[in-house]
């Protein structure tokens, strides 16, 4: 593949890029679905088992803590990786829990509500943090990280204490 440099930061590829290979990874329920035959790897058990939600919240908390205490870019980047990993794992779990909980005729509507609440939280979080900063007369820019870390720690404690309850137990129960 030849590369033609157009400027200092811009290159043009003479041959278009293409996909060399791909793979799909999914859980046991996806394997049982209509596209199950096209899934390459399935995992019946998660690494953390019923403590996955707890581990995700701890990962988010560790990420926020690293961002708070760090003075170097690589440590901030590591904090972002921890926070992103925790969020990136727990979000599909929430979607999966929604599909298992909702009646089959309302699964799409239930997922729409969950996704809408997710985006609403992302939209409102900066405003809520600013309102709290104003009410508490806090001037530091670190408050957002402290606040989110505290919420993640509370959620981690809740997930650990209630790991056998309906909300946190991911084992499929036959009725």
Protein backbone atom coordinates (compact mmCIF):
# COMPACT_ATOMS: atom_id res chain seq x y z
CA UNK A 1 0.00 0.00 0.00
CA UNK A 2 1.45 3.33 -1.06
CA UNK A 3 0.92 6.46 0.98
CA UNK A 4 1.02 9.90 -0.64
CA UNK A 5 1.71 12.74 1.78
CA UNK A 6 -0.54 15.74 1.02
CA UNK A 7 0.67 17.93 3.87
CA UNK A 8 2.48 17.57 7.17
CA UNK A 9 -0.49 15.83 8.84
CA UNK A 10 -2.55 14.55 5.90
CA UNK A 11 -1.91 11.40 3.89
CA UNK A 12 -3.80 9.79 1.03
CA UNK A 13 -3.85 6.02 0.65
CA UNK A 14 -3.52 4.80 -2.92
CA UNK A 15 -5.42 1.61 -2.08
CA UNK A 16 -8.57 1.79 0.02
CA UNK A 17 -8.37 0.17 3.47
CA UNK A 18 -10.21 -3.11 3.91
CA UNK A 19 -11.21 -5.56 6.60
CA UNK A 20 -8.64 -8.33 6.97
CA UNK A 21 -10.48 -10.35 9.61
CA UNK A 22 -13.19 -10.06 12.25
CA UNK A 23 -14.69 -11.98 15.14
CA UNK A 24 -17.76 -11.71 17.32
CA UNK A 25 -17.97 -12.39 21.04
CA UNK A 26 -21.27 -12.79 22.89
CA UNK A 27 -22.92 -14.38 25.86
CA UNK A 28 -24.90 -17.57 26.16
CA UNK A 29 -28.29 -15.93 25.45
CA UNK A 30 -27.05 -14.43 22.19
CA UNK A 31 -25.78 -17.87 21.14
CA UNK A 32 -29.34 -19.22 21.57
CA UNK A 33 -30.80 -16.47 19.38
CA UNK A 34 -31.38 -16.38 15.61
CA UNK A 35 -27.82 -15.22 14.85
CA UNK A 36 -26.23 -17.78 17.18
CA UNK A 37 -24.58 -19.67 14.36
CA UNK A 38 -22.58 -16.62 13.29
CA UNK A 39 -21.06 -15.94 16.72
CA UNK A 40 -17.42 -17.03 17.01
CA UNK A 41 -16.88 -17.06 20.78
CA UNK A 42 -19.41 -17.35 23.59
CA UNK A 43 -18.77 -17.08 27.30
CA UNK A 44 -21.15 -18.74 29.71
CA UNK A 45 -19.61 -17.28 32.82
CA UNK A 46 -18.31 -13.84 33.62
CA UNK A 47 -14.89 -13.34 35.18
CA UNK A 48 -16.29 -11.80 38.37
CA UNK A 49 -19.49 -13.85 38.52
CA UNK A 50 -22.17 -12.16 40.58
CA UNK A 51 -19.69 -9.49 41.70
CA UNK A 52 -19.41 -8.00 38.19
CA UNK A 53 -21.51 -4.92 39.00
CA UNK A 54 -19.48 -4.38 42.19
CA UNK A 55 -16.22 -4.67 40.20
CA UNK A 56 -17.51 -2.19 37.61
CA UNK A 57 -18.39 0.40 40.26
CA UNK A 58 -15.01 -0.08 41.94
CA UNK A 59 -13.31 0.36 38.56
CA UNK A 60 -15.18 3.63 38.00
CA UNK A 61 -14.24 4.79 41.53
CA UNK A 62 -10.57 3.91 41.01
CA UNK A 63 -10.60 5.79 37.72
CA UNK A 64 -12.07 8.89 39.33
CA UNK A 65 -9.55 8.66 42.20
CA UNK A 66 -6.64 8.40 39.75
CA UNK A 67 -7.88 11.43 37.85
CA UNK A 68 -8.22 13.33 41.13
CA UNK A 69 -4.76 12.64 42.53
CA UNK A 70 -2.71 12.53 39.34
CA UNK A 71 -0.39 15.22 38.13
CA UNK A 72 0.77 13.47 34.97
CA UNK A 73 -1.05 12.77 31.73
CA UNK A 74 -0.39 9.03 31.71
CA UNK A 75 -1.96 8.63 35.16
CA UNK A 76 -4.99 10.64 34.06
CA UNK A 77 -5.18 8.39 31.00
CA UNK A 78 -5.04 5.32 33.22
CA UNK A 79 -7.88 6.79 35.31
CA UNK A 80 -9.92 7.30 32.15
CA UNK A 81 -9.26 3.68 31.15
CA UNK A 82 -10.47 2.40 34.55
CA UNK A 83 -13.57 4.61 34.52
CA UNK A 84 -14.33 3.74 30.89
CA UNK A 85 -13.82 0.03 31.47
CA UNK A 86 -16.24 0.04 34.42
CA UNK A 87 -18.86 1.99 32.50
CA UNK A 88 -18.29 0.02 29.30
CA UNK A 89 -18.91 -3.28 31.08
CA UNK A 90 -21.86 -2.24 33.24
CA UNK A 91 -23.86 -0.54 30.49
CA UNK A 92 -24.44 -3.72 28.42
CA UNK A 93 -25.21 -5.56 31.66
CA UNK A 94 -27.96 -3.02 32.36
CA UNK A 95 -29.34 -3.51 28.85
CA UNK A 96 -29.22 -7.29 29.29
CA UNK A 97 -31.01 -7.08 32.65
CA UNK A 98 -33.68 -4.94 31.00
CA UNK A 99 -34.29 -7.49 28.25
CA UNK A 100 -34.56 -10.30 30.82
CA UNK A 101 -36.95 -8.35 33.05
CA UNK A 102 -39.35 -6.89 30.50
CA UNK A 103 -42.18 -8.90 29.01
CA UNK A 104 -41.35 -9.96 25.42
CA UNK A 105 -43.86 -7.58 23.83
CA UNK A 106 -42.34 -4.57 25.63
CA UNK A 107 -38.60 -5.28 25.40
CA UNK A 108 -37.99 -2.58 22.78
CA UNK A 109 -39.94 -0.01 24.79
CA UNK A 110 -38.07 -0.96 27.98
CA UNK A 111 -34.71 -0.60 26.23
CA UNK A 112 -35.81 2.74 24.82
CA UNK A 113 -36.59 3.97 28.34
CA UNK A 114 -33.26 2.71 29.71
CA UNK A 115 -31.31 4.36 26.89
CA UNK A 116 -33.30 7.58 27.24
CA UNK A 117 -32.55 7.70 30.97
CA UNK A 118 -28.90 7.03 30.26
CA UNK A 119 -28.65 9.94 27.82
CA UNK A 120 -30.75 12.14 30.11
CA UNK A 121 -28.30 11.45 32.95
CA UNK A 122 -25.36 12.32 30.69
CA UNK A 123 -27.10 15.54 29.68
CA UNK A 124 -28.15 16.60 33.19
CA UNK A 125 -25.05 15.58 35.16
CA UNK A 126 -23.07 18.82 34.50
CA UNK A 127 -26.07 20.93 35.52
CA UNK A 128 -26.63 18.91 38.70
CA UNK A 129 -22.96 19.20 39.60
CA UNK A 130 -23.00 22.98 39.05
CA UNK A 131 -26.14 23.37 41.16
CA UNK A 132 -24.54 21.35 43.97
CA UNK A 133 -21.32 23.37 43.68
CA UNK A 134 -23.30 26.60 43.97
CA UNK A 135 -25.43 25.36 46.87
CA UNK A 136 -22.39 24.12 48.80
CA UNK A 137 -20.19 27.12 47.78
CA UNK A 138 -17.49 24.85 46.37
CA UNK A 139 -15.05 26.47 43.96
CA UNK A 140 -12.79 23.57 42.95
CA UNK A 141 -12.99 21.97 39.53
CA UNK A 142 -12.32 18.60 41.17
CA UNK A 143 -15.81 18.48 42.69
CA UNK A 144 -17.27 16.65 39.65
CA UNK A 145 -14.76 13.81 40.07
CA UNK A 146 -15.25 13.67 43.84
CA UNK A 147 -19.05 13.63 43.45
CA UNK A 148 -19.01 10.90 40.78
CA UNK A 149 -16.48 8.85 42.76
CA UNK A 150 -18.71 9.07 45.86
CA UNK A 151 -21.76 7.94 43.87
CA UNK A 152 -19.78 5.04 42.36
CA UNK A 153 -18.52 3.99 45.82
CA UNK A 154 -22.06 4.06 47.23
CA UNK A 155 -23.26 2.02 44.24
CA UNK A 156 -20.34 -0.42 44.73
CA UNK A 157 -21.25 -0.94 48.38
CA UNK A 158 -24.91 -1.43 47.41
CA UNK A 159 -23.97 -3.91 44.65
CA UNK A 160 -21.78 -5.87 47.06
CA UNK A 161 -24.33 -5.98 49.87
CA UNK A 162 -27.26 -6.83 47.58
CA UNK A 163 -25.46 -9.18 45.18
CA UNK A 164 -28.00 -11.95 45.82
CA UNK A 165 -31.05 -9.73 45.33
CA UNK A 166 -33.11 -9.60 42.13
CA UNK A 167 -31.49 -6.39 40.92
CA UNK A 168 -27.91 -7.66 41.13
CA UNK A 169 -28.22 -11.43 40.65
CA UNK A 170 -27.67 -12.32 36.98
CA UNK A 171 -28.32 -16.01 37.23
CA UNK A 172 -31.24 -17.07 35.03
CA UNK A 173 -34.02 -18.52 37.12
CA UNK A 174 -36.44 -20.93 35.48
CA UNK A 175 -40.04 -20.21 36.43
